[in-house]
Amino acid sequence: MTSRRTLLKGTLFGSAAALLPTAASASGGGSVLRLPAPAGPYPVGMRTVHLTDPSRTDPWVGGVRELMLTVLYPARSVRGFTRAPQLTPDEAAMFAEYASGRHPGLPKPGVVDWGAVLTHGHVGAPPLPGRRPVLVYSPGGGDSRTLGTTLAEDLASHGRVVVLVDHPGDASQVELPTGLRTTVLIGPPDPETFRTMVDTRIADLRLVLDRLGDLPLASVMDSCRIGLYGHSAGGTAAVYAARHDRRVGAVANLEGYLDLYPTPVEADRPLLLLRTDGFEGAARIESSWAGLPGPRVLLADANHWAFTDYGPLVARLRTAGLVTAATQAALVGTGDPAVTLAEVRRRVGTFFARHLL
């Protein structure tokens, strides 16, 4: 069932697109858009998975709860296997519409060929032998799983299996086997709606953990080395999903509030906390993180969506004359997004390497 094409204030629209060398290459008609390449030693394979949970009713539209996943993993070889597109054609069309509506400073539909963006994941490539740590990712509220591609590909290229989870209903767009589904959220979510969103995401993440053994590539997943990470509302959900679940060995929270429930977060497993110095919710973030042990990182000259694929996009869009300095600052900060991306990759990768041995 396809929901209304409406806008959620406070969430980023879209996908990890491109390194755009010129304005001409950003326009439609054969443009080539590139994501930053992963830095690890292994090429990356990719599979897409559809999950259903007959035990739950979808809180947004009714019916059985459905999820879409992308599984990224170190590949033995990618020769002869094609790279996956970032978005399906229907997702790309919706993304372009949502982008310009949510952030007026971003390109209008038809200016950027979002459907031409390729990931570095090679569809169906054979996995590298061996059992690997598993990292499960939840995107920011209203965002689709595609926004986490760049960081996830880098983690996979260093030897992990990474599962990107879409949360239909609040995600800006996600294509299910039954068709395209868009966000049901209108305007900024009130506390009750936000609570429903996070509760749903927690249940989604636990479903994924329950079904890891049934997923493609289960044979190379080490169920004794599982980590969760997420951005914004996804970080909130990741931390709370790990509570009382001994399957999860470590959690990374990329600028998500931790004051949603009366019971404080337990410091019973390694927790990485990252935030930016430009996020308008910084005071609430700091308050909700008070007293929690573990590494805490402040990214200088950065803003909320610098954790996502939008980071490597915005500076190139500005160079191409397609966004202003103000738009860049509002989304990813005033610093160099490439520097921020490298720091996020290093911090998250090192954290999971240390705690998921």
Protein backbone atom coordinates (compact mmCIF):
# COMPACT_ATOMS: atom_id res chain seq x y z
CA MET A 1 0.00 0.00 0.00
CA THR A 2 1.46 3.37 -0.98
CA SER A 3 1.22 6.16 1.58
CA ARG A 4 0.80 9.86 1.00
CA ARG A 5 3.69 11.74 -0.52
CA THR A 6 4.11 14.18 2.32
CA LEU A 7 7.03 15.88 3.95
CA LEU A 8 8.56 15.33 7.36
CA LYS A 9 10.20 18.38 8.84
CA GLY A 10 13.57 17.73 10.39
CA THR A 11 14.56 14.81 8.16
CA LEU A 12 16.83 14.69 5.17
CA PHE A 13 15.23 13.85 1.90
CA GLY A 14 17.44 11.65 0.15
CA SER A 15 20.13 9.60 -1.15
CA ALA A 16 23.79 9.47 -1.11
CA ALA A 17 24.52 10.71 -4.45
CA ALA A 18 27.32 11.97 -6.17
CA LEU A 19 30.61 13.47 -6.70
CA LEU A 20 29.66 15.99 -9.34
CA PRO A 21 32.61 17.61 -11.10
CA THR A 22 30.58 20.14 -13.07
CA ALA A 23 27.08 21.51 -13.23
CA ALA A 24 26.62 19.87 -16.61
CA SER A 25 27.35 16.43 -15.22
CA ALA A 26 24.78 17.01 -12.47
CA SER A 27 21.98 17.62 -14.90
CA GLY A 28 19.78 14.97 -16.45
CA GLY A 29 20.53 13.27 -19.73
CA GLY A 30 23.37 10.82 -19.31
CA SER A 31 25.03 12.34 -16.23
CA VAL A 32 27.38 10.16 -14.19
CA LEU A 33 26.99 10.46 -10.42
CA ARG A 34 29.51 8.81 -8.12
CA LEU A 35 29.58 7.81 -4.47
CA PRO A 36 32.89 7.88 -2.59
CA ALA A 37 34.64 4.54 -2.93
CA PRO A 38 35.08 2.35 0.14
CA ALA A 39 38.61 2.37 1.51
CA GLY A 40 38.97 -1.23 2.69
CA PRO A 41 40.89 -4.05 1.00
CA TYR A 42 37.86 -6.08 -0.13
CA PRO A 43 35.40 -5.47 -2.97
CA VAL A 44 31.78 -5.32 -1.87
CA GLY A 45 28.92 -7.64 -2.77
CA MET A 46 25.26 -6.80 -2.33
CA ARG A 47 21.87 -8.51 -1.94
CA THR A 48 18.40 -7.05 -1.39
CA VAL A 49 15.99 -8.79 0.98
CA HIS A 50 12.25 -8.44 1.67
CA LEU A 51 11.07 -9.46 5.16
CA THR A 52 7.57 -9.75 6.59
CA ASP A 53 6.46 -10.09 10.19
CA PRO A 54 3.02 -11.75 10.34
CA SER A 55 2.94 -11.27 14.12
CA ARG A 56 2.81 -7.46 13.81
CA THR A 57 0.39 -5.02 12.25
CA ASP A 58 1.97 -2.08 10.48
CA PRO A 59 1.19 0.95 12.70
CA TRP A 60 1.06 3.38 9.78
CA VAL A 61 -1.09 1.69 7.15
CA GLY A 62 -2.30 -1.59 8.68
CA GLY A 63 -1.64 -5.05 7.30
CA VAL A 64 1.42 -7.21 7.84
CA ARG A 65 4.61 -5.37 8.71
CA GLU A 66 7.12 -5.41 5.83
CA LEU A 67 10.79 -4.43 5.67
CA MET A 68 13.36 -4.01 2.93
CA LEU A 69 17.02 -4.72 3.63
CA THR A 70 20.27 -4.27 1.78
CA VAL A 71 23.00 -6.74 2.77
CA LEU A 72 26.57 -5.65 1.99
CA TYR A 73 29.55 -7.95 2.48
CA PRO A 74 33.19 -8.53 1.50
CA ALA A 75 33.22 -10.36 -1.82
CA ARG A 76 35.65 -12.99 -3.05
CA SER A 77 35.44 -11.53 -6.55
CA VAL A 78 33.20 -9.01 -8.30
CA ARG A 79 34.32 -9.74 -11.83
CA GLY A 80 31.30 -10.11 -14.09
CA PHE A 81 28.86 -8.79 -11.44
CA THR A 82 27.19 -5.42 -12.03
CA ARG A 83 27.13 -2.57 -9.54
CA ALA A 84 23.74 -1.94 -7.97
CA PRO A 85 21.95 1.38 -8.51
CA GLN A 86 21.47 3.56 -5.46
CA LEU A 87 17.73 3.84 -6.10
CA THR A 88 15.18 2.12 -8.27
CA PRO A 89 13.63 4.34 -10.98
CA ASP A 90 10.47 4.87 -8.91
CA GLU A 91 12.49 5.64 -5.79
CA ALA A 92 14.66 8.10 -7.72
CA ALA A 93 11.63 9.96 -9.06
CA MET A 94 10.13 10.23 -5.59
CA PHE A 95 13.45 11.21 -4.09
CA ALA A 96 13.82 14.14 -6.50
CA GLU A 97 10.33 15.36 -5.62
CA TYR A 98 10.85 14.94 -1.88
CA ALA A 99 14.29 16.60 -1.95
CA SER A 100 13.23 19.90 -3.44
CA GLY A 101 10.08 20.03 -1.33
CA ARG A 102 11.79 19.31 1.97
CA HIS A 103 14.80 21.57 1.37
CA PRO A 104 14.04 24.39 -1.09
CA GLY A 105 17.77 25.06 -1.49
CA LEU A 106 18.29 21.68 -3.10
CA PRO A 107 17.94 21.00 -6.84
CA LYS A 108 14.48 20.79 -8.33
CA PRO A 109 13.26 17.58 -9.99
CA GLY A 110 14.97 17.05 -13.34
CA VAL A 111 18.18 18.88 -12.44
CA VAL A 112 20.05 15.88 -10.99
CA ASP A 113 19.76 12.39 -12.44
CA TRP A 114 19.42 10.52 -9.14
CA GLY A 115 18.52 7.31 -10.93
CA ALA A 116 22.02 7.19 -12.45
CA VAL A 117 23.79 6.89 -9.09
CA LEU A 118 25.61 3.58 -8.70
CA THR A 119 26.72 2.04 -5.42
CA HIS A 120 29.94 0.06 -5.06
CA GLY A 121 27.93 -3.06 -4.18
CA HIS A 122 28.06 -5.77 -6.86
CA VAL A 123 24.78 -7.66 -7.08
CA GLY A 124 25.09 -11.34 -6.23
CA ALA A 125 28.90 -11.45 -6.04
CA PRO A 126 30.21 -14.51 -4.13
CA PRO A 127 31.14 -13.77 -0.51
CA LEU A 128 34.64 -13.99 0.83
CA PRO A 129 34.91 -17.23 2.86
CA GLY A 130 34.88 -16.99 6.64
CA ARG A 131 32.44 -15.90 9.33
CA ARG A 132 32.17 -12.14 9.69
CA PRO A 133 30.90 -9.68 12.32
CA VAL A 134 27.40 -8.40 11.52
CA LEU A 135 26.44 -4.72 11.76
CA VAL A 136 22.79 -3.67 11.49
CA TYR A 137 21.97 -0.06 10.55
CA SER A 138 18.86 2.05 11.14
CA PRO A 139 18.68 5.38 9.23
CA GLY A 140 17.44 8.73 10.50
CA GLY A 141 13.76 9.41 10.99
CA GLY A 142 12.05 9.85 7.63
CA ASP A 143 15.17 8.72 5.75
CA SER A 144 15.57 5.60 3.64
CA ARG A 145 18.29 3.02 4.12
CA THR A 146 20.03 4.32 0.98
CA LEU A 147 21.35 7.29 2.97
CA GLY A 148 23.69 4.95 4.84
CA THR A 149 25.37 3.45 1.78
CA THR A 150 28.78 5.14 1.91
CA LEU A 151 29.59 4.28 5.52
CA ALA A 152 28.13 0.77 5.17
CA GLU A 153 30.17 -0.01 2.05
CA ASP A 154 33.33 1.08 3.83
CA LEU A 155 32.54 -1.14 6.83
CA ALA A 156 31.86 -4.07 4.49
CA SER A 157 35.09 -3.46 2.57
CA HIS A 158 36.94 -3.95 5.87
CA GLY A 159 35.47 -7.40 6.42
CA ARG A 160 32.01 -7.01 7.99
CA VAL A 161 28.54 -7.99 6.85
CA VAL A 162 26.35 -4.88 7.02
CA VAL A 163 22.55 -4.95 6.95
CA LEU A 164 20.81 -1.68 6.05
CA VAL A 165 17.21 -1.60 7.27
CA ASP A 166 14.41 0.44 5.73
CA HIS A 167 11.45 1.34 7.97
CA PRO A 168 8.45 1.73 5.63
CA GLY A 169 5.92 4.26 6.79
CA ASP A 170 8.31 6.90 8.00
CA ALA A 171 10.98 6.37 5.29
CA SER A 172 10.84 9.01 2.55
CA GLN A 173 10.59 6.28 -0.08
CA VAL A 174 11.08 2.53 -0.25
CA GLU A 175 10.11 0.14 -3.02
CA LEU A 176 8.46 -3.03 -1.75
CA PRO A 177 7.47 -6.00 -3.92
CA THR A 178 3.95 -4.53 -3.83
CA GLY A 179 5.10 -1.12 -5.03
CA LEU A 180 6.50 2.21 -3.88
CA ARG A 181 5.71 3.35 -0.37
CA THR A 182 6.34 6.87 0.89
CA THR A 183 6.19 8.63 4.23
CA VAL A 184 2.89 8.96 6.08
CA LEU A 185 4.28 11.71 8.31
CA ILE A 186 3.09 15.28 7.90
CA GLY A 187 5.18 18.03 9.44
CA PRO A 188 7.33 17.60 12.55
CA PRO A 189 6.28 14.50 14.49
CA ASP A 190 4.61 15.16 17.82
CA PRO A 191 5.92 13.20 20.83
CA GLU A 192 3.35 10.42 20.40
CA THR A 193 4.17 9.98 16.71
CA PHE A 194 7.89 10.02 17.40
CA ARG A 195 7.43 7.39 20.08
CA THR A 196 5.46 5.21 17.63
CA MET A 197 8.22 5.65 15.06
CA VAL A 198 10.97 4.57 17.45
CA ASP A 199 8.92 1.73 18.95
CA THR A 200 8.33 0.43 15.41
CA ARG A 201 12.01 0.70 14.53
CA ILE A 202 13.02 -1.18 17.69
CA ALA A 203 10.67 -4.03 16.73
CA ASP A 204 12.01 -3.92 13.15
CA LEU A 205 15.62 -4.23 14.35
CA ARG A 206 14.76 -7.13 16.64
CA LEU A 207 12.99 -8.85 13.75
CA VAL A 208 16.17 -8.55 11.68
CA LEU A 209 18.23 -10.03 14.52
CA ASP A 210 15.73 -12.89 14.84
CA ARG A 211 15.95 -13.61 11.09
CA LEU A 212 19.69 -13.30 10.52
CA GLY A 213 19.95 -17.06 10.18
CA ASP A 214 17.40 -17.01 7.36
CA LEU A 215 19.01 -14.22 5.33
CA PRO A 216 21.15 -14.73 2.24
CA LEU A 217 24.79 -15.07 3.33
CA ALA A 218 23.83 -16.35 6.79
CA SER A 219 26.68 -18.84 6.39
CA VAL A 220 29.25 -16.03 6.57
CA MET A 221 27.57 -14.15 9.44
CA ASP A 222 28.96 -14.65 12.94
CA SER A 223 25.94 -14.46 15.26
CA CYS A 224 28.29 -14.11 18.24
CA ARG A 225 29.61 -10.77 16.90
CA ILE A 226 26.67 -8.43 16.28
CA GLY A 227 26.65 -4.64 16.44
CA LEU A 228 23.91 -2.07 15.93
CA TYR A 229 24.40 1.47 14.69
CA GLY A 230 22.07 4.21 13.57
CA HIS A 231 21.72 7.87 12.73
CA SER A 232 19.38 10.27 14.58
CA ALA A 233 16.12 8.36 15.31
CA GLY A 234 17.95 5.29 14.04
CA GLY A 235 20.61 5.81 16.70
CA THR A 236 17.90 6.12 19.33
CA ALA A 237 16.29 2.90 18.11
CA ALA A 238 19.61 1.04 17.97
CA VAL A 239 20.46 1.84 21.58
CA TYR A 240 17.03 0.88 22.90
CA ALA A 241 16.81 -2.24 20.72
CA ALA A 242 20.03 -3.49 22.31
CA ARG A 243 18.63 -3.25 25.83
CA HIS A 244 18.23 -6.67 27.41
CA ASP A 245 19.36 -8.33 24.15
CA ARG A 246 22.58 -10.16 24.82
CA ARG A 247 23.02 -10.92 21.12
CA VAL A 248 24.21 -7.34 20.61
CA GLY A 249 27.82 -6.78 21.60
CA ALA A 250 28.26 -3.07 20.81
CA VAL A 251 26.22 -0.04 19.68
CA ALA A 252 27.14 3.19 17.87
CA ASN A 253 24.73 6.12 18.17
CA LEU A 254 25.20 8.84 15.56
CA GLU A 255 23.43 11.85 17.10
CA GLY A 256 20.26 10.19 18.42
CA TYR A 257 18.36 11.32 21.54
CA LEU A 258 18.36 8.92 24.49
CA ASP A 259 15.57 10.40 26.63
CA LEU A 260 12.59 8.74 25.00
CA TYR A 261 11.74 6.31 27.80
CA PRO A 262 11.57 6.77 31.58
CA THR A 263 14.10 3.99 32.23
CA PRO A 264 17.67 5.27 31.74
CA VAL A 265 19.90 3.61 29.17
CA GLU A 266 21.95 0.87 30.78
CA ALA A 267 25.71 1.07 30.39
CA ASP A 268 25.95 -2.70 30.04
CA ARG A 269 27.82 -2.91 26.73
CA PRO A 270 30.20 -0.74 24.69
CA LEU A 271 28.48 2.40 23.40
CA LEU A 272 29.95 4.94 20.97
CA LEU A 273 28.35 8.40 20.98
CA LEU A 274 29.00 10.79 18.07
CA ARG A 275 27.50 14.21 17.51
CA THR A 276 28.14 17.36 15.49
CA ASP A 277 28.75 20.86 16.77
CA GLY A 278 26.14 22.33 14.41
CA PHE A 279 23.05 20.29 15.30
CA GLU A 280 20.20 22.41 16.61
CA GLY A 281 19.29 19.68 19.12
CA ALA A 282 22.75 19.68 20.73
CA ALA A 283 21.54 20.69 24.20
CA ARG A 284 18.99 17.88 24.31
CA ILE A 285 21.57 15.42 22.98
CA GLU A 286 24.05 16.32 25.71
CA SER A 287 21.39 16.16 28.41
CA SER A 288 20.14 12.76 27.26
CA TRP A 289 23.69 11.38 27.11
CA ALA A 290 24.69 12.66 30.56
CA GLY A 291 26.37 10.07 32.72
CA LEU A 292 26.88 7.49 30.00
CA PRO A 293 30.40 6.02 29.84
CA GLY A 294 32.37 5.18 26.74
CA PRO A 295 33.88 7.13 23.85
CA ARG A 296 32.17 10.39 22.96
CA VAL A 297 33.15 12.25 19.78
CA LEU A 298 32.29 15.81 18.71
CA LEU A 299 32.66 16.46 14.98
CA ALA A 300 33.77 20.06 14.43
CA ASP A 301 32.30 22.30 11.73
CA ALA A 302 29.70 19.62 10.92
CA ASN A 303 25.93 19.36 10.99
CA HIS A 304 23.37 16.61 11.45
CA TRP A 305 23.40 14.98 8.00
CA ALA A 306 27.19 14.85 7.75
CA PHE A 307 26.83 11.28 9.07
CA THR A 308 24.91 10.29 5.95
CA ASP A 309 25.66 10.00 2.26
CA TYR A 310 24.52 13.57 1.90
CA GLY A 311 27.87 14.63 3.35
CA PRO A 312 29.92 13.78 0.25
CA LEU A 313 27.18 15.20 -1.98
CA VAL A 314 26.62 18.72 -0.84
CA ALA A 315 30.07 20.27 -1.41
CA ARG A 316 30.11 18.97 -4.99
CA LEU A 317 26.63 20.28 -5.58
CA ARG A 318 27.83 23.64 -4.34
CA THR A 319 30.89 23.49 -6.62
CA ALA A 320 28.52 22.74 -9.48
CA GLY A 321 26.53 25.85 -8.61
CA LEU A 322 23.47 23.85 -7.55
CA VAL A 323 23.37 24.70 -3.84
CA THR A 324 24.45 27.69 -1.78
CA ALA A 325 26.88 27.89 1.11
CA ALA A 326 23.90 28.36 3.44
CA THR A 327 22.31 25.13 2.24
CA GLN A 328 25.57 23.29 2.76
CA ALA A 329 26.00 24.66 6.27
CA ALA A 330 22.43 23.81 7.26
CA LEU A 331 22.77 20.19 6.20
CA VAL A 332 26.38 19.09 6.72
CA GLY A 333 28.17 22.08 8.25
CA THR A 334 30.84 24.50 7.14
CA GLY A 335 33.76 22.07 7.17
CA ASP A 336 35.04 19.77 4.44
CA PRO A 337 32.57 16.85 4.16
CA ALA A 338 35.36 14.55 2.96
CA VAL A 339 37.27 15.15 6.19
CA THR A 340 34.14 14.52 8.25
CA LEU A 341 33.38 11.33 6.33
CA ALA A 342 36.89 10.03 6.90
CA GLU A 343 36.57 10.72 10.63
CA VAL A 344 33.18 8.99 10.89
CA ARG A 345 34.50 5.96 8.99
CA ARG A 346 37.55 5.78 11.25
CA ARG A 347 35.66 6.19 14.51
CA VAL A 348 32.88 3.73 13.72
CA GLY A 349 35.17 1.17 12.11
CA THR A 350 37.71 1.27 14.95
CA PHE A 351 34.97 1.01 17.58
CA PHE A 352 33.44 -2.14 16.13
CA ALA A 353 36.86 -3.66 15.39
CA ARG A 354 37.76 -3.27 19.05
CA HIS A 355 34.55 -4.62 20.55
CA LEU A 356 33.49 -7.30 18.04
CA LEU A 357 36.74 -9.25 17.93
